[in-house]
Amino acid sequence: MNGYDKTSGNERDKRKQFEILDAEASSIRERDKVLVKSLFQNFYNKELNVGIGFQRAYGSILSGDYFDLIQLPDGKYLFIFADMSGHGLPAYTNLVRLRSAITISISEARRIFRQTDVVDTEYLIKNISTKFTDIMEESKSPDFGCVLFTFIHNDGDKFHLRFYNRSMLFPIIVRKFEGQVVGVYNLNREDKGWVPLKGNLLSSDVRILMGHKYLETPARHFTLYEGDSILYYSDGIVESNNADRPSEEFGEERIIKILHDNMNLMPQLVIRELFDAVYNFMGRPEQQKDDMTAVLIDFPPVRY
């Protein structure tokens, strides 16, 4: 009887620890969402509507998905969207390492800016990549990170985007005019002069294989106009499998259709439609094998 009571007590303790950790993880994610949304509400003195969706992999408490918006000392913005390999505690541990590398590198960029009045975007990306990889190598981690860095500069009625992509999915852009969708651009596909060039995964093992070419990250440019929307999304959404047809993935075409059909809704409602569609497609919650994150940003009119 005592053994049974002890076992039951241990199970209760584990369940309580699980619930505490789950609550803390959810609190951190909600705080991140609030912080990012608040930053977008004062974006070049404009208020942007932002929708954010996030679901951890089935059975996981922690996540390796990450997003952040950082105002740089030159007045431009850097939006970071990342996905660490795996899920749960290992992925979250590597996420903490990435955030440390970003924080240190941004601090150094601010110091350099005070001396030069310049933010060198290419150097900043190399600095973040190097610091993160050094940490991974020091910890002997075989894991990797996929990160998309987007520098955003406002110029009148345009927003100039400069992408540095380390093996992440590019976003999908919806162009609207007078409330109507006039174009959808999937930046993961080559089209009309756009080439979705990427750098390699961020990994100490990849650095050993690539040598001096490891830090090469091609810059890609795209221009948004007033009224456009941009969706960042993780591969956990695209690669979601159907319970009855395991080889069938949710894919990008379904994402594009949802954006097209719901683009006059507020971003958070569009994100809700997207996640509802993904779960209906999967059929069962346990089908979710990876974290799923999506951020939809409406760029406002900027003309006066």
Protein backbone atom coordinates (compact mmCIF):
# COMPACT_ATOMS: atom_id res chain seq x y z
CA MET A 1 0.00 0.00 0.00
CA ASN A 2 2.82 2.36 0.96
CA GLY A 3 4.56 1.61 -2.33
CA TYR A 4 1.36 2.33 -4.20
CA ASP A 5 0.92 5.61 -2.32
CA LYS A 6 4.51 6.57 -3.04
CA THR A 7 4.11 5.84 -6.73
CA SER A 8 0.88 7.82 -6.83
CA GLY A 9 2.63 10.68 -5.04
CA ASN A 10 5.48 10.64 -7.55
CA GLU A 11 3.01 10.72 -10.42
CA ARG A 12 1.20 13.66 -8.85
CA ASP A 13 4.50 15.50 -8.39
CA LYS A 14 5.47 14.87 -12.01
CA ARG A 15 2.06 15.99 -13.22
CA LYS A 16 2.31 19.14 -11.11
CA GLN A 17 5.81 19.89 -12.45
CA PHE A 18 4.51 19.34 -15.98
CA GLU A 19 1.60 21.73 -15.40
CA ILE A 20 3.90 24.39 -13.93
CA LEU A 21 6.35 24.14 -16.84
CA ASP A 22 3.50 24.14 -19.34
CA ALA A 23 2.04 27.28 -17.77
CA GLU A 24 5.44 28.99 -17.74
CA ALA A 25 6.07 28.10 -21.40
CA SER A 26 2.63 29.39 -22.40
CA SER A 27 3.22 32.58 -20.42
CA ILE A 28 6.54 33.17 -22.18
CA ARG A 29 4.95 32.67 -25.60
CA GLU A 30 2.03 34.98 -24.80
CA ARG A 31 4.44 37.62 -23.53
CA ASP A 32 6.47 37.32 -26.76
CA LYS A 33 3.30 37.78 -28.82
CA VAL A 34 2.29 40.88 -26.85
CA LEU A 35 5.78 42.40 -27.15
CA VAL A 36 5.97 41.82 -30.90
CA LYS A 37 2.48 43.20 -31.47
CA SER A 38 3.28 46.28 -29.37
CA LEU A 39 6.40 46.94 -31.46
CA PHE A 40 4.39 46.73 -34.67
CA GLN A 41 1.90 49.25 -33.24
CA ASN A 42 4.58 51.93 -33.45
CA PHE A 43 6.20 50.82 -36.70
CA TYR A 44 7.54 53.93 -38.46
CA ASN A 45 4.90 55.81 -36.44
CA LYS A 46 2.21 53.62 -38.04
CA GLU A 47 0.05 50.96 -36.43
CA LEU A 48 0.25 47.61 -38.19
CA ASN A 49 -2.38 44.92 -37.74
CA VAL A 50 -0.67 41.65 -36.84
CA GLY A 51 -2.04 38.13 -36.44
CA ILE A 52 0.02 35.49 -34.64
CA GLY A 53 -0.65 31.77 -34.44
CA PHE A 54 1.39 29.26 -32.48
CA GLN A 55 0.92 25.61 -31.53
CA ARG A 56 3.51 23.34 -29.96
CA ALA A 57 4.00 19.84 -31.33
CA TYR A 58 1.59 17.28 -29.86
CA GLY A 59 2.79 16.21 -26.40
CA SER A 60 5.51 18.90 -26.16
CA ILE A 61 5.72 21.60 -23.53
CA LEU A 62 8.44 23.75 -25.08
CA SER A 63 9.05 24.94 -28.62
CA GLY A 64 11.93 25.79 -30.92
CA ASP A 65 9.97 28.26 -33.06
CA TYR A 66 10.84 31.92 -32.55
CA PHE A 67 10.00 35.37 -33.89
CA ASP A 68 11.02 38.87 -32.86
CA LEU A 69 10.98 42.45 -34.14
CA ILE A 70 13.97 44.63 -33.31
CA GLN A 71 14.38 48.33 -34.00
CA LEU A 72 17.93 49.02 -35.14
CA PRO A 73 19.89 52.15 -34.21
CA ASP A 74 19.60 53.53 -37.78
CA GLY A 75 15.80 53.51 -37.47
CA LYS A 76 15.22 50.45 -39.65
CA TYR A 77 13.69 47.23 -38.32
CA LEU A 78 14.84 43.62 -38.22
CA PHE A 79 12.22 40.86 -38.12
CA ILE A 80 13.57 37.43 -37.17
CA PHE A 81 11.68 34.20 -37.81
CA ALA A 82 13.36 30.96 -36.77
CA ASP A 83 12.85 27.22 -36.34
CA MET A 84 15.21 25.01 -34.34
CA SER A 85 15.59 21.34 -35.25
CA GLY A 86 13.47 18.88 -33.29
CA HIS A 87 10.96 19.99 -30.67
CA GLY A 88 10.53 20.09 -26.93
CA LEU A 89 13.37 20.86 -24.51
CA PRO A 90 16.32 20.30 -26.95
CA ALA A 91 14.79 22.68 -29.49
CA TYR A 92 14.01 25.25 -26.81
CA THR A 93 17.57 25.01 -25.45
CA ASN A 94 18.96 25.83 -28.89
CA LEU A 95 16.46 28.65 -29.20
CA VAL A 96 17.87 30.19 -26.02
CA ARG A 97 21.34 29.93 -27.59
CA LEU A 98 20.13 31.71 -30.72
CA ARG A 99 18.51 34.49 -28.72
CA SER A 100 21.76 34.97 -26.80
CA ALA A 101 23.71 35.28 -30.05
CA ILE A 102 21.18 37.80 -31.38
CA THR A 103 21.19 39.89 -28.19
CA ILE A 104 24.99 40.12 -28.05
CA SER A 105 25.29 40.90 -31.78
CA ILE A 106 22.63 43.63 -31.66
CA SER A 107 24.41 45.21 -28.69
CA GLU A 108 27.65 45.23 -30.68
CA ALA A 109 25.83 46.73 -33.68
CA ARG A 110 24.56 49.58 -31.49
CA ARG A 111 28.09 50.25 -30.24
CA ILE A 112 29.50 50.24 -33.79
CA PHE A 113 26.70 52.55 -34.95
CA ARG A 114 27.66 55.14 -32.34
CA GLN A 115 31.13 55.22 -33.90
CA THR A 116 30.28 54.90 -37.62
CA ASP A 117 26.62 55.95 -37.97
CA VAL A 118 26.11 52.78 -40.07
CA VAL A 119 24.44 49.40 -39.51
CA ASP A 120 26.16 46.88 -41.79
CA THR A 121 23.41 44.29 -42.33
CA GLU A 122 25.70 41.69 -43.90
CA TYR A 123 28.17 41.96 -41.02
CA LEU A 124 25.35 41.74 -38.47
CA ILE A 125 24.05 38.49 -40.00
CA LYS A 126 27.56 37.02 -40.09
CA ASN A 127 28.08 38.03 -36.47
CA ILE A 128 24.84 36.39 -35.29
CA SER A 129 25.57 33.25 -37.35
CA THR A 130 29.11 32.97 -36.02
CA LYS A 131 28.17 33.46 -32.38
CA PHE A 132 25.31 30.95 -32.54
CA THR A 133 27.50 28.36 -34.29
CA ASP A 134 30.31 28.88 -31.77
CA ILE A 135 27.87 28.22 -28.92
CA MET A 136 26.56 25.08 -30.65
CA GLU A 137 30.11 23.83 -31.22
CA GLU A 138 31.14 24.53 -27.63
CA SER A 139 28.12 22.58 -26.35
CA LYS A 140 28.85 19.74 -28.81
CA SER A 141 25.31 19.96 -30.15
CA PRO A 142 24.52 18.11 -33.41
CA ASP A 143 21.35 20.19 -33.87
CA PHE A 144 20.79 23.06 -36.28
CA GLY A 145 18.75 26.19 -36.75
CA CYS A 146 16.87 27.68 -39.70
CA VAL A 147 16.56 31.46 -39.54
CA LEU A 148 15.09 34.12 -41.82
CA PHE A 149 16.32 37.66 -41.20
CA THR A 150 14.26 40.46 -42.77
CA PHE A 151 15.46 44.06 -42.68
CA ILE A 152 12.59 46.50 -43.29
CA HIS A 153 12.98 50.09 -44.48
CA ASN A 154 10.09 52.49 -45.10
CA ASP A 155 10.34 54.82 -48.13
CA GLY A 156 7.15 56.79 -48.74
CA ASP A 157 4.44 54.36 -49.85
CA LYS A 158 6.91 51.47 -50.06
CA PHE A 159 8.51 49.09 -47.58
CA HIS A 160 11.82 47.70 -48.83
CA LEU A 161 12.59 44.21 -47.53
CA ARG A 162 16.08 42.73 -47.51
CA PHE A 163 16.11 39.01 -46.74
CA TYR A 164 19.03 36.95 -45.46
CA ASN A 165 17.76 33.37 -45.36
CA ARG A 166 19.51 30.52 -43.56
CA SER A 167 17.37 27.62 -44.89
CA MET A 168 14.00 28.90 -43.65
CA LEU A 169 10.84 29.18 -45.75
CA PHE A 170 10.39 32.55 -47.43
CA PRO A 171 7.07 34.31 -46.74
CA ILE A 172 4.00 34.59 -48.95
CA ILE A 173 2.92 38.11 -49.95
CA VAL A 174 -0.63 39.16 -50.84
CA ARG A 175 -1.05 42.33 -52.90
CA LYS A 176 -4.34 44.18 -52.56
CA PHE A 177 -5.91 47.19 -54.26
CA GLU A 178 -9.15 48.74 -53.05
CA GLY A 179 -9.93 45.67 -50.96
CA GLN A 180 -9.36 43.18 -53.78
CA VAL A 181 -6.53 40.66 -54.08
CA VAL A 182 -4.58 41.50 -57.25
CA GLY A 183 -1.58 39.21 -56.73
CA VAL A 184 -0.11 36.49 -54.53
CA TYR A 185 3.66 36.02 -54.43
CA ASN A 186 5.07 32.81 -52.99
CA LEU A 187 8.68 33.81 -52.48
CA ASN A 188 9.71 30.16 -52.21
CA ARG A 189 9.27 29.88 -55.97
CA GLU A 190 11.30 31.42 -58.77
CA ASP A 191 9.07 33.88 -60.62
CA LYS A 192 9.30 37.18 -62.54
CA GLY A 193 12.97 37.79 -61.78
CA TRP A 194 12.72 36.68 -58.16
CA VAL A 195 15.12 33.86 -57.20
CA PRO A 196 14.72 32.42 -53.66
CA LEU A 197 18.42 32.10 -52.83
CA LYS A 198 19.36 30.85 -49.37
CA GLY A 199 22.37 30.21 -47.20
CA ASN A 200 23.01 26.97 -45.35
CA LEU A 201 21.61 25.69 -42.07
CA LEU A 202 23.18 27.18 -38.96
CA SER A 203 25.11 24.24 -37.53
CA SER A 204 28.62 23.56 -36.29
CA ASP A 205 28.71 20.37 -38.39
CA VAL A 206 27.74 22.29 -41.53
CA ARG A 207 30.44 24.88 -40.79
CA ILE A 208 33.06 22.12 -40.73
CA LEU A 209 31.84 20.84 -44.11
CA MET A 210 31.49 24.26 -45.77
CA GLY A 211 34.59 25.96 -44.45
CA HIS A 212 34.91 29.66 -45.35
CA LYS A 213 31.74 29.51 -47.49
CA TYR A 214 29.61 28.74 -44.44
CA LEU A 215 28.90 32.40 -43.65
CA GLU A 216 27.87 33.30 -47.20
CA THR A 217 24.23 34.39 -47.08
CA PRO A 218 22.86 35.97 -50.27
CA ALA A 219 20.73 39.08 -49.81
CA ARG A 220 17.39 39.10 -51.63
CA HIS A 221 15.24 42.21 -52.06
CA PHE A 222 11.48 42.63 -52.37
CA THR A 223 9.30 45.75 -52.22
CA LEU A 224 5.97 45.87 -50.40
CA TYR A 225 3.40 48.56 -51.12
CA GLU A 226 0.74 50.13 -48.96
CA GLY A 227 -2.04 47.65 -48.26
CA ASP A 228 0.08 44.54 -48.87
CA SER A 229 0.14 41.65 -46.41
CA ILE A 230 2.97 39.24 -45.65
CA LEU A 231 2.71 35.80 -44.05
CA TYR A 232 5.65 34.14 -42.30
CA TYR A 233 5.07 30.47 -41.51
CA SER A 234 7.05 27.48 -40.29
CA ASP A 235 7.41 24.16 -42.09
CA GLY A 236 5.30 22.50 -39.39
CA ILE A 237 2.25 23.95 -41.16
CA VAL A 238 3.25 22.98 -44.69
CA GLU A 239 4.35 19.47 -43.73
CA SER A 240 1.29 18.58 -41.63
CA ASN A 241 0.03 15.13 -42.66
CA ASN A 242 -3.49 13.84 -43.18
CA ALA A 243 -4.46 11.03 -40.77
CA ASP A 244 -6.05 8.91 -43.51
CA ARG A 245 -3.55 9.79 -46.25
CA PRO A 246 -0.17 9.96 -44.46
CA SER A 247 1.76 10.82 -47.62
CA GLU A 248 -0.38 13.91 -48.27
CA GLU A 249 0.84 17.21 -46.81
CA PHE A 250 -1.14 20.39 -46.17
CA GLY A 251 1.16 22.23 -48.57
CA GLU A 252 1.46 25.82 -49.70
CA GLU A 253 -1.46 25.89 -52.15
CA ARG A 254 -3.95 25.48 -49.30
CA ILE A 255 -2.25 28.31 -47.43
CA ILE A 256 -2.51 30.57 -50.47
CA LYS A 257 -6.21 29.76 -50.93
CA ILE A 258 -6.96 30.59 -47.30
CA LEU A 259 -5.13 33.91 -47.63
CA HIS A 260 -6.95 34.72 -50.86
CA ASP A 261 -10.40 33.83 -49.52
CA ASN A 262 -10.04 35.60 -46.16
CA MET A 263 -7.77 38.55 -46.84
CA ASN A 264 -10.38 41.19 -45.93
CA LEU A 265 -10.58 39.80 -42.39
CA MET A 266 -8.39 41.06 -39.57
CA PRO A 267 -5.02 39.24 -39.53
CA GLN A 268 -5.77 37.34 -36.31
CA LEU A 269 -8.98 35.97 -37.83
CA VAL A 270 -7.10 34.89 -40.96
CA ILE A 271 -4.58 33.06 -38.78
CA ARG A 272 -7.44 31.36 -36.96
CA GLU A 273 -8.89 30.22 -40.30
CA LEU A 274 -5.47 28.86 -41.27
CA PHE A 275 -4.97 26.86 -38.09
CA ASP A 276 -8.54 25.54 -38.17
CA ALA A 277 -7.94 24.34 -41.73
CA VAL A 278 -4.67 22.64 -40.75
CA TYR A 279 -6.28 20.75 -37.85
CA ASN A 280 -9.27 19.76 -39.98
CA PHE A 281 -6.83 18.46 -42.58
CA MET A 282 -4.78 16.47 -40.03
CA GLY A 283 -7.89 14.86 -38.56
CA ARG A 284 -6.37 14.01 -35.16
CA PRO A 285 -4.32 16.18 -32.73
CA GLU A 286 -1.60 13.52 -32.45
CA GLN A 287 -0.93 14.01 -36.17
CA GLN A 288 0.87 17.24 -35.31
CA LYS A 289 4.52 16.18 -35.31
CA ASP A 290 6.13 19.62 -35.31
CA ASP A 291 5.64 23.09 -33.87
CA MET A 292 3.48 25.34 -36.03
CA THR A 293 3.94 29.11 -36.09
CA ALA A 294 2.52 31.79 -38.38
CA VAL A 295 2.74 35.59 -38.33
CA LEU A 296 0.56 37.65 -40.69
CA ILE A 297 1.33 41.37 -41.00
CA ASP A 298 -0.85 43.95 -42.75
CA PHE A 299 1.19 46.91 -43.98
CA PRO A 300 -0.92 50.06 -43.67
CA PRO A 301 -1.42 52.93 -46.08
CA VAL A 302 1.42 55.40 -45.54
CA ARG A 303 0.34 58.28 -47.78
CA TYR A 304 -0.84 61.44 -46.11
